[in-house]
Amino acid sequence: MKKGLFKLIAIFTACLTLGSAVACGGTEDEKSKSSKSENSGSSSASSESSEIVEEDSEVPATSIEVAADMGNGWNLGNTMEAVANWLGDNPTPYAFEQAWGQPVTTKECIEGIKAAGFNSVRIPVAWSNMMSDDGTYTIDPAYIQRVDEIIGYVLDADMYAVVNIHWDNGWWKDFGSSDAAVSEAAMAKYTAIWTQLSEHYKDYSHKLILESANEELGHSLGENLSDDQRYTITHDINQKFVDIVRASGSKNAERFLLIAGFNTDINNTCDDRYVMPTDTIENHLLISVHYYTPAHYCIASEPDNSWGYKESWGTDADKSEMRSYFEKMKKFTDAGYGVVIGEYGVCEIKVNGINGLKPGAEDFAISVMTIAEEFGYCPMLWDTGAWYDRTICVMKTQAVADYLAQ
């Protein structure tokens, strides 16, 4: 685990009651397999949000310090970013939350993440799940409230919360449309979303970090564009994000913001054509990239995958390759930007009909965390249920659990 200055301060100053998190730590073989009851109803956000607008203390001075203080992070994957067009009329936020097979997110689940040793949670969101189609792009307050509840769980556990606009049904391609009306509507939609969210979250704790996008700033912006054009549009979108958040004032004037890299790919983001947006305050921007390298190990789940398949990971060459990629991101820390590996992980495969991680997956995750700590980056594990059991609140992988507990 990272043990930076601000984490040490937090240990002595935090007044945090983990409650049932004490019973939610450890791994499956250390805990009872009995399931916890879950709330699938409509609990109010007011009680969960009572502490998130209080005055901050011990605010890190720079984004590099924030990245270190974020420690090891975890993604609430396939949850609030789940897009489900089949839900019919007037679905609830909980229907979307569970649409891709995840349980309702509970306070106990998030407290278990804290108890396991994580210090930040990324909450990917598809805001257009419940959004008006009248051109105002008004987000349904019920959807915002549900995201608020989850943010509240994270902040109440004294962790950082990261909130973005995720894939969101793929409307990002409209930015690169040759039809000016379509591309302008895409920017209008993006502007409307962040204008609403910036106003809503402007008084939240500094431990809420807003993220400009996910992996869509890059080739997903349109097929009929040159890469030079895509880099320009990526910059324009990221600049719009910073301008909107800063203009909303209050704590947003100094909030730490996470800027999506080009395809969130390390090589593409380190290209000189990628330019960070300008800001009204120094040292308050972080850069987000993802790490699924090599893809034929991390992503390919079938041996007959058309672009290759790697069954295991962990050789000296594998670890040397990982280090070489992370070293490239020193380009940004040298320029004063904190680095967040917003996603990393290894896919599940079926072995004798049972889902499991590929050989070497734990070594891969531990290597990411170890090398990231060396460079001062925050790595955030992408998890849809392979690493942490959200129902009984325990880590599934003993080696990773042991590493986090150090």
Protein backbone atom coordinates (compact mmCIF):
# COMPACT_ATOMS: atom_id res chain seq x y z
CA MET A 1 0.00 0.00 0.00
CA LYS A 2 1.07 3.55 -0.52
CA LYS A 3 2.03 5.28 2.66
CA GLY A 4 2.35 8.93 1.61
CA LEU A 5 2.35 11.90 3.91
CA PHE A 6 -1.33 12.63 3.65
CA LYS A 7 -2.32 9.03 4.34
CA LEU A 8 -0.25 9.11 7.51
CA ILE A 9 -1.95 12.34 8.54
CA ALA A 10 -5.33 10.82 7.79
CA ILE A 11 -4.61 7.88 10.08
CA PHE A 12 -4.24 10.26 13.02
CA THR A 13 -7.00 12.72 12.11
CA ALA A 14 -9.82 10.73 10.52
CA CYS A 15 -12.90 10.08 12.64
CA LEU A 16 -14.16 7.17 10.63
CA THR A 17 -16.43 4.41 11.81
CA LEU A 18 -16.20 1.46 9.45
CA GLY A 19 -19.03 -0.37 11.18
CA SER A 20 -19.53 -3.67 9.47
CA ALA A 21 -16.44 -3.13 7.32
CA VAL A 22 -14.48 -4.93 10.02
CA ALA A 23 -16.51 -7.99 9.17
CA CYS A 24 -16.10 -7.38 5.44
CA GLY A 25 -12.29 -7.46 5.20
CA GLY A 26 -10.05 -10.36 4.22
CA THR A 27 -10.73 -13.05 1.65
CA GLU A 28 -13.43 -15.60 1.00
CA ASP A 29 -11.64 -18.41 2.77
CA GLU A 30 -11.42 -16.27 5.91
CA LYS A 31 -15.09 -15.28 6.06
CA SER A 32 -18.52 -16.83 6.13
CA LYS A 33 -20.08 -17.40 2.73
CA SER A 34 -23.46 -16.21 3.96
CA SER A 35 -24.85 -13.41 1.82
CA LYS A 36 -25.72 -9.99 3.12
CA SER A 37 -29.18 -8.65 2.50
CA GLU A 38 -29.20 -5.82 -0.03
CA ASN A 39 -31.30 -2.74 -0.38
CA SER A 40 -32.82 -2.62 -3.85
CA GLY A 41 -35.15 0.18 -2.89
CA SER A 42 -34.97 3.95 -2.68
CA SER A 43 -32.96 4.97 0.35
CA SER A 44 -32.50 8.71 0.65
CA ALA A 45 -29.17 10.29 -0.25
CA SER A 46 -29.52 12.96 2.40
CA SER A 47 -28.22 10.95 5.34
CA GLU A 48 -25.41 9.39 3.30
CA SER A 49 -24.35 12.79 1.94
CA SER A 50 -24.32 14.72 5.21
CA GLU A 51 -20.54 14.80 5.53
CA ILE A 52 -19.47 15.35 1.96
CA VAL A 53 -19.83 19.13 1.84
CA GLU A 54 -17.99 19.90 5.07
CA GLU A 55 -14.84 21.94 5.08
CA ASP A 56 -11.84 19.99 3.85
CA SER A 57 -8.74 19.45 5.95
CA GLU A 58 -5.27 18.44 4.86
CA VAL A 59 -5.87 19.15 1.18
CA PRO A 60 -2.87 17.99 -0.85
CA ALA A 61 -1.17 20.86 -2.61
CA THR A 62 -0.50 19.26 -6.00
CA SER A 63 -1.94 16.63 -8.30
CA ILE A 64 1.22 14.56 -7.90
CA GLU A 65 0.60 14.45 -4.15
CA VAL A 66 -3.05 13.56 -4.78
CA ALA A 67 -2.13 10.63 -7.04
CA ALA A 68 0.12 9.26 -4.30
CA ASP A 69 -2.54 9.85 -1.64
CA MET A 70 -5.15 8.01 -3.74
CA GLY A 71 -3.11 4.88 -3.16
CA ASN A 72 -4.45 1.74 -4.77
CA GLY A 73 -7.83 2.23 -6.40
CA TRP A 74 -10.77 0.06 -7.45
CA ASN A 75 -13.40 0.43 -10.17
CA LEU A 76 -17.11 -0.13 -9.55
CA GLY A 77 -17.27 -1.76 -12.97
CA ASN A 78 -20.35 -2.69 -15.03
CA THR A 79 -22.58 -0.82 -12.60
CA MET A 80 -23.60 2.83 -12.98
CA GLU A 81 -22.20 2.85 -16.53
CA ALA A 82 -24.37 -0.12 -17.53
CA VAL A 83 -26.48 0.84 -20.56
CA ALA A 84 -29.69 -1.16 -20.93
CA ASN A 85 -32.02 -0.13 -23.73
CA TRP A 86 -34.27 -3.12 -23.03
CA LEU A 87 -35.57 -1.95 -19.65
CA GLY A 88 -38.73 -0.41 -21.02
CA ASP A 89 -40.49 2.73 -19.84
CA ASN A 90 -39.45 4.59 -16.70
CA PRO A 91 -36.76 2.26 -15.32
CA THR A 92 -35.30 3.12 -11.93
CA PRO A 93 -31.62 3.90 -11.34
CA TYR A 94 -31.38 0.51 -9.61
CA ALA A 95 -32.57 -1.23 -12.80
CA PHE A 96 -29.65 0.24 -14.72
CA GLU A 97 -27.26 -0.47 -11.84
CA GLN A 98 -28.08 -4.18 -11.97
CA ALA A 99 -28.58 -4.47 -15.75
CA TRP A 100 -25.15 -6.00 -16.41
CA GLY A 101 -25.37 -8.50 -13.57
CA GLN A 102 -24.02 -6.57 -10.59
CA PRO A 103 -25.73 -6.39 -7.20
CA VAL A 104 -27.00 -3.13 -5.78
CA THR A 105 -24.00 -1.25 -4.38
CA THR A 106 -24.15 -1.07 -0.60
CA LYS A 107 -22.34 0.94 2.03
CA GLU A 108 -20.97 -2.34 3.38
CA CYS A 109 -19.52 -3.15 -0.04
CA ILE A 110 -17.60 0.11 -0.17
CA GLU A 111 -16.49 -0.16 3.47
CA GLY A 112 -15.15 -3.60 2.59
CA ILE A 113 -13.10 -2.05 -0.21
CA LYS A 114 -11.60 0.37 2.29
CA ALA A 115 -10.94 -2.42 4.78
CA ALA A 116 -9.23 -4.45 2.05
CA GLY A 117 -6.66 -1.67 1.61
CA PHE A 118 -7.93 0.47 -1.26
CA ASN A 119 -7.97 4.26 -0.88
CA SER A 120 -9.91 5.37 -3.94
CA VAL A 121 -12.95 4.22 -5.93
CA ARG A 122 -13.72 5.09 -9.53
CA ILE A 123 -17.43 5.25 -10.34
CA PRO A 124 -17.96 5.09 -14.12
CA VAL A 125 -21.34 6.58 -15.10
CA ALA A 126 -23.60 6.57 -18.16
CA TRP A 127 -25.51 9.77 -17.46
CA SER A 128 -27.70 9.52 -20.56
CA ASN A 129 -29.40 6.43 -19.09
CA MET A 130 -31.90 8.81 -17.52
CA MET A 131 -31.64 12.03 -19.51
CA SER A 132 -34.18 14.10 -21.43
CA ASP A 133 -34.16 13.93 -25.23
CA ASP A 134 -35.59 17.42 -25.75
CA GLY A 135 -32.24 19.05 -26.48
CA THR A 136 -31.66 20.24 -22.92
CA TYR A 137 -30.01 16.96 -21.90
CA THR A 138 -31.43 17.26 -18.40
CA ILE A 139 -30.27 14.41 -16.17
CA ASP A 140 -33.00 12.83 -14.07
CA PRO A 141 -32.49 13.87 -10.41
CA ALA A 142 -33.14 10.28 -9.33
CA TYR A 143 -30.09 9.10 -11.27
CA ILE A 144 -27.91 11.83 -9.81
CA GLN A 145 -29.19 10.97 -6.34
CA ARG A 146 -28.22 7.32 -6.75
CA VAL A 147 -24.72 8.29 -7.87
CA ASP A 148 -24.63 10.68 -4.89
CA GLU A 149 -25.41 7.81 -2.54
CA ILE A 150 -22.49 5.80 -3.85
CA ILE A 151 -20.17 8.82 -3.73
CA GLY A 152 -21.31 9.29 -0.15
CA TYR A 153 -20.35 5.71 0.72
CA VAL A 154 -16.86 6.34 -0.66
CA LEU A 155 -16.29 9.72 0.97
CA ASP A 156 -17.71 8.54 4.29
CA ALA A 157 -15.08 5.78 4.21
CA ASP A 158 -12.42 8.49 3.79
CA MET A 159 -11.51 7.46 0.26
CA TYR A 160 -11.23 9.41 -2.98
CA ALA A 161 -14.16 9.10 -5.38
CA VAL A 162 -13.67 9.52 -9.14
CA VAL A 163 -16.73 10.18 -11.33
CA ASN A 164 -16.70 10.37 -15.13
CA ILE A 165 -18.83 10.11 -18.25
CA HIS A 166 -18.17 6.58 -19.44
CA TRP A 167 -18.85 4.91 -22.81
CA ASP A 168 -22.50 5.97 -22.45
CA ASN A 169 -23.89 4.07 -25.46
CA GLY A 170 -21.22 5.34 -27.85
CA TRP A 171 -22.51 8.79 -28.78
CA TRP A 172 -18.92 10.11 -28.82
CA LYS A 173 -18.58 9.31 -32.53
CA ASP A 174 -20.86 12.28 -33.20
CA PHE A 175 -18.00 14.66 -32.37
CA GLY A 176 -16.29 13.65 -35.62
CA SER A 177 -19.36 13.84 -37.83
CA SER A 178 -19.02 15.71 -41.13
CA ASP A 179 -22.47 17.15 -40.39
CA ALA A 180 -21.81 20.28 -38.36
CA ALA A 181 -25.20 20.07 -36.68
CA VAL A 182 -24.39 16.58 -35.36
CA SER A 183 -20.93 17.49 -34.07
CA GLU A 184 -22.26 20.67 -32.47
CA ALA A 185 -25.02 18.69 -30.77
CA ALA A 186 -22.40 16.33 -29.34
CA MET A 187 -20.53 19.24 -27.77
CA ALA A 188 -23.83 20.70 -26.56
CA LYS A 189 -24.65 17.40 -24.86
CA TYR A 190 -21.19 17.16 -23.29
CA THR A 191 -21.44 20.79 -22.14
CA ALA A 192 -24.90 20.25 -20.65
CA ILE A 193 -23.82 17.17 -18.72
CA TRP A 194 -20.79 18.79 -17.14
CA THR A 195 -22.60 22.08 -16.50
CA GLN A 196 -25.22 20.21 -14.46
CA LEU A 197 -22.69 18.04 -12.65
CA SER A 198 -20.31 20.90 -11.92
CA GLU A 199 -23.08 22.92 -10.33
CA HIS A 200 -24.30 19.91 -8.36
CA TYR A 201 -20.89 18.86 -7.04
CA LYS A 202 -19.22 22.24 -6.60
CA ASP A 203 -19.36 22.11 -2.79
CA TYR A 204 -18.30 18.48 -2.38
CA SER A 205 -15.12 17.43 -0.61
CA HIS A 206 -11.84 17.77 -2.49
CA LYS A 207 -11.73 13.96 -2.41
CA LEU A 208 -14.31 13.95 -5.19
CA ILE A 209 -12.36 14.01 -8.46
CA LEU A 210 -14.18 14.62 -11.74
CA GLU A 211 -12.89 12.85 -14.88
CA SER A 212 -13.44 14.28 -18.37
CA ALA A 213 -14.15 11.01 -20.20
CA ASN A 214 -13.22 7.35 -20.41
CA GLU A 215 -11.51 5.69 -23.40
CA GLU A 216 -13.56 7.52 -26.02
CA LEU A 217 -11.32 10.52 -26.65
CA GLY A 218 -9.39 9.22 -29.61
CA HIS A 219 -10.38 6.79 -32.32
CA SER A 220 -13.97 6.60 -31.04
CA LEU A 221 -14.49 10.23 -32.02
CA GLY A 222 -15.12 9.27 -35.64
CA GLU A 223 -13.96 6.91 -38.36
CA ASN A 224 -13.44 9.47 -41.11
CA LEU A 225 -10.92 11.63 -39.31
CA SER A 226 -7.16 11.79 -39.37
CA ASP A 227 -5.34 11.23 -36.10
CA ASP A 228 -4.29 14.88 -36.18
CA GLN A 229 -7.98 15.83 -36.21
CA ARG A 230 -8.74 13.40 -33.39
CA TYR A 231 -5.98 14.86 -31.23
CA THR A 232 -7.38 18.35 -31.83
CA ILE A 233 -10.93 17.31 -30.91
CA THR A 234 -9.63 15.46 -27.85
CA HIS A 235 -7.93 18.64 -26.68
CA ASP A 236 -11.05 20.71 -27.36
CA ILE A 237 -13.22 18.35 -25.30
CA ASN A 238 -10.79 18.23 -22.39
CA GLN A 239 -10.43 22.02 -22.46
CA LYS A 240 -14.21 22.44 -22.45
CA PHE A 241 -14.39 20.15 -19.41
CA VAL A 242 -11.84 22.17 -17.45
CA ASP A 243 -13.45 25.48 -18.41
CA ILE A 244 -16.93 24.33 -17.34
CA VAL A 245 -15.84 22.94 -13.99
CA ARG A 246 -13.71 25.94 -13.08
CA ALA A 247 -16.43 28.42 -14.08
CA SER A 248 -18.86 26.85 -11.60
CA GLY A 249 -16.78 28.20 -8.73
CA SER A 250 -16.84 27.24 -5.05
CA LYS A 251 -14.61 24.17 -4.47
CA ASN A 252 -14.59 23.48 -8.20
CA ALA A 253 -12.29 26.45 -8.64
CA GLU A 254 -9.56 24.33 -7.04
CA ARG A 255 -10.87 20.78 -7.49
CA PHE A 256 -8.41 18.20 -8.78
CA LEU A 257 -9.52 17.12 -12.25
CA LEU A 258 -8.66 13.94 -14.11
CA ILE A 259 -8.02 14.42 -17.82
CA ALA A 260 -8.55 11.48 -20.18
CA GLY A 261 -5.61 10.56 -22.38
CA PHE A 262 -5.88 9.77 -26.09
CA ASN A 263 -7.66 6.39 -26.15
CA THR A 264 -6.34 6.33 -22.55
CA ASP A 265 -3.47 4.53 -24.25
CA ILE A 266 0.02 5.22 -22.90
CA ASN A 267 1.77 5.39 -26.27
CA ASN A 268 -0.96 7.55 -27.85
CA THR A 269 -1.08 9.84 -24.83
CA CYS A 270 2.69 10.29 -24.78
CA ASP A 271 2.55 11.39 -28.44
CA ASP A 272 3.53 15.06 -28.77
CA ARG A 273 0.19 15.73 -30.46
CA TYR A 274 -1.54 15.13 -27.14
CA VAL A 275 -1.66 18.42 -25.25
CA MET A 276 -3.04 18.87 -21.74
CA PRO A 277 -5.67 21.60 -21.34
CA THR A 278 -4.79 24.92 -19.78
CA ASP A 279 -6.07 25.61 -16.28
CA THR A 280 -6.74 28.59 -14.04
CA ILE A 281 -4.83 27.02 -11.15
CA GLU A 282 -1.43 25.34 -11.20
CA ASN A 283 -0.77 21.69 -10.40
CA HIS A 284 -4.42 20.60 -10.15
CA LEU A 285 -4.75 18.40 -13.23
CA LEU A 286 -4.10 14.65 -13.36
CA ILE A 287 -3.76 12.48 -16.46
CA SER A 288 -5.65 9.21 -16.93
CA VAL A 289 -4.39 6.24 -18.94
CA HIS A 290 -5.39 2.57 -18.85
CA TYR A 291 -3.15 -0.47 -18.80
CA TYR A 292 -4.27 -3.69 -20.48
CA THR A 293 -0.93 -4.71 -21.96
CA PRO A 294 -0.41 -7.12 -23.55
CA ALA A 295 -3.98 -7.08 -24.84
CA HIS A 296 -3.88 -10.69 -25.94
CA TYR A 297 -3.31 -11.58 -22.28
CA CYS A 298 -5.40 -8.97 -20.46
CA ILE A 299 -8.38 -8.83 -22.82
CA ALA A 300 -8.49 -11.94 -25.04
CA SER A 301 -10.54 -14.59 -23.24
CA GLU A 302 -10.66 -17.29 -25.93
CA PRO A 303 -7.66 -19.27 -27.30
CA ASP A 304 -8.98 -18.88 -30.85
CA ASN A 305 -9.10 -15.09 -30.59
CA SER A 306 -8.35 -13.67 -34.06
CA TRP A 307 -5.67 -11.22 -32.91
CA GLY A 308 -3.83 -13.59 -30.60
CA TYR A 309 -4.02 -15.20 -27.20
CA LYS A 310 -1.60 -15.28 -24.26
CA GLU A 311 -2.49 -17.74 -21.52
CA SER A 312 -0.19 -16.65 -18.72
CA TRP A 313 1.93 -13.72 -17.54
CA GLY A 314 4.86 -13.22 -15.21
CA THR A 315 8.19 -13.66 -16.97
CA ASP A 316 11.03 -11.19 -16.53
CA ALA A 317 10.29 -9.95 -20.03
CA ASP A 318 6.63 -9.39 -19.12
CA LYS A 319 7.57 -7.32 -16.07
CA SER A 320 10.21 -5.39 -17.98
CA GLU A 321 7.61 -4.47 -20.58
CA MET A 322 5.25 -3.19 -17.88
CA ARG A 323 7.96 -1.07 -16.32
CA SER A 324 8.90 0.43 -19.70
CA TYR A 325 5.32 1.58 -20.24
CA PHE A 326 5.05 3.14 -16.79
CA GLU A 327 8.38 4.90 -17.27
CA LYS A 328 6.94 6.66 -20.32
CA MET A 329 4.38 8.41 -18.12
CA LYS A 330 7.18 10.23 -16.31
CA LYS A 331 6.75 12.68 -19.15
CA PHE A 332 3.68 13.91 -17.26
CA THR A 333 4.95 13.79 -13.68
CA ASP A 334 8.03 15.68 -14.84
CA ALA A 335 5.63 18.35 -16.13
CA GLY A 336 3.73 18.49 -12.83
CA TYR A 337 0.75 16.22 -13.56
CA GLY A 338 -0.29 13.38 -11.28
CA VAL A 339 -0.76 10.06 -13.09
CA VAL A 340 -3.74 7.77 -12.59
CA ILE A 341 -3.88 4.33 -14.19
CA GLY A 342 -7.65 4.59 -14.35
CA GLU A 343 -8.12 0.94 -15.30
CA TYR A 344 -6.00 -2.19 -15.35
CA GLY A 345 -6.85 -5.85 -15.03
CA VAL A 346 -7.07 -9.32 -16.56
CA CYS A 347 -10.14 -10.95 -18.10
CA GLU A 348 -11.81 -14.03 -16.74
CA ILE A 349 -11.74 -17.31 -18.63
CA LYS A 350 -13.70 -20.53 -18.25
CA VAL A 351 -11.87 -23.54 -16.89
CA ASN A 352 -13.99 -26.69 -16.77
CA GLY A 353 -17.06 -24.49 -17.06
CA ILE A 354 -16.12 -22.25 -14.13
CA ASN A 355 -15.06 -18.59 -14.46
CA GLY A 356 -11.59 -17.81 -13.21
CA LEU A 357 -8.65 -15.49 -13.77
CA LYS A 358 -5.83 -16.42 -16.14
CA PRO A 359 -2.61 -17.87 -14.71
CA GLY A 360 -0.42 -15.02 -13.53
CA ALA A 361 -3.30 -12.54 -13.03
CA GLU A 362 -2.47 -11.94 -9.37
CA ASP A 363 1.19 -11.42 -10.24
CA PHE A 364 0.09 -8.96 -12.94
CA ALA A 365 -2.04 -6.95 -10.50
CA ILE A 366 0.63 -6.92 -7.79
CA SER A 367 3.25 -5.85 -10.33
CA VAL A 368 1.04 -2.97 -11.48
CA MET A 369 0.57 -1.80 -7.90
CA THR A 370 4.24 -2.21 -7.02
CA ILE A 371 5.62 -0.36 -10.04
CA ALA A 372 2.92 2.33 -9.83
CA GLU A 373 3.83 2.99 -6.20
CA GLU A 374 7.47 3.32 -7.21
CA PHE A 375 6.56 6.05 -9.71
CA GLY A 376 3.93 7.71 -7.49
CA TYR A 377 0.96 6.77 -9.70
CA CYS A 378 -2.49 5.68 -8.58
CA PRO A 379 -3.51 2.36 -10.20
CA MET A 380 -7.25 1.52 -10.22
CA LEU A 381 -8.23 -2.13 -10.64
CA TRP A 382 -11.05 -2.76 -13.13
CA ASP A 383 -13.40 -5.19 -11.43
CA THR A 384 -16.76 -6.62 -12.43
CA GLY A 385 -16.66 -9.38 -9.82
CA ALA A 386 -13.48 -11.32 -10.54
CA TRP A 387 -11.39 -9.77 -7.75
CA TYR A 388 -13.81 -8.67 -5.02
CA ASP A 389 -17.10 -10.23 -3.97
CA ARG A 390 -19.52 -7.35 -3.53
CA THR A 391 -22.13 -9.46 -1.76
CA ILE A 392 -20.03 -10.77 1.13
CA CYS A 393 -17.50 -7.94 0.92
CA VAL A 394 -14.26 -9.90 0.59
CA MET A 395 -11.34 -10.13 -1.79
CA LYS A 396 -11.37 -13.30 -3.87
CA THR A 397 -7.64 -13.47 -4.53
CA GLN A 398 -5.42 -14.22 -1.53
CA ALA A 399 -2.13 -12.88 -2.91
CA VAL A 400 -3.68 -9.53 -3.83
CA ALA A 401 -5.45 -9.36 -0.46
CA ASP A 402 -2.15 -9.99 1.30
CA TYR A 403 -0.38 -7.34 -0.76
CA LEU A 404 -3.04 -4.72 -0.01
CA ALA A 405 -2.90 -5.55 3.69
CA GLN A 406 0.81 -4.72 3.97
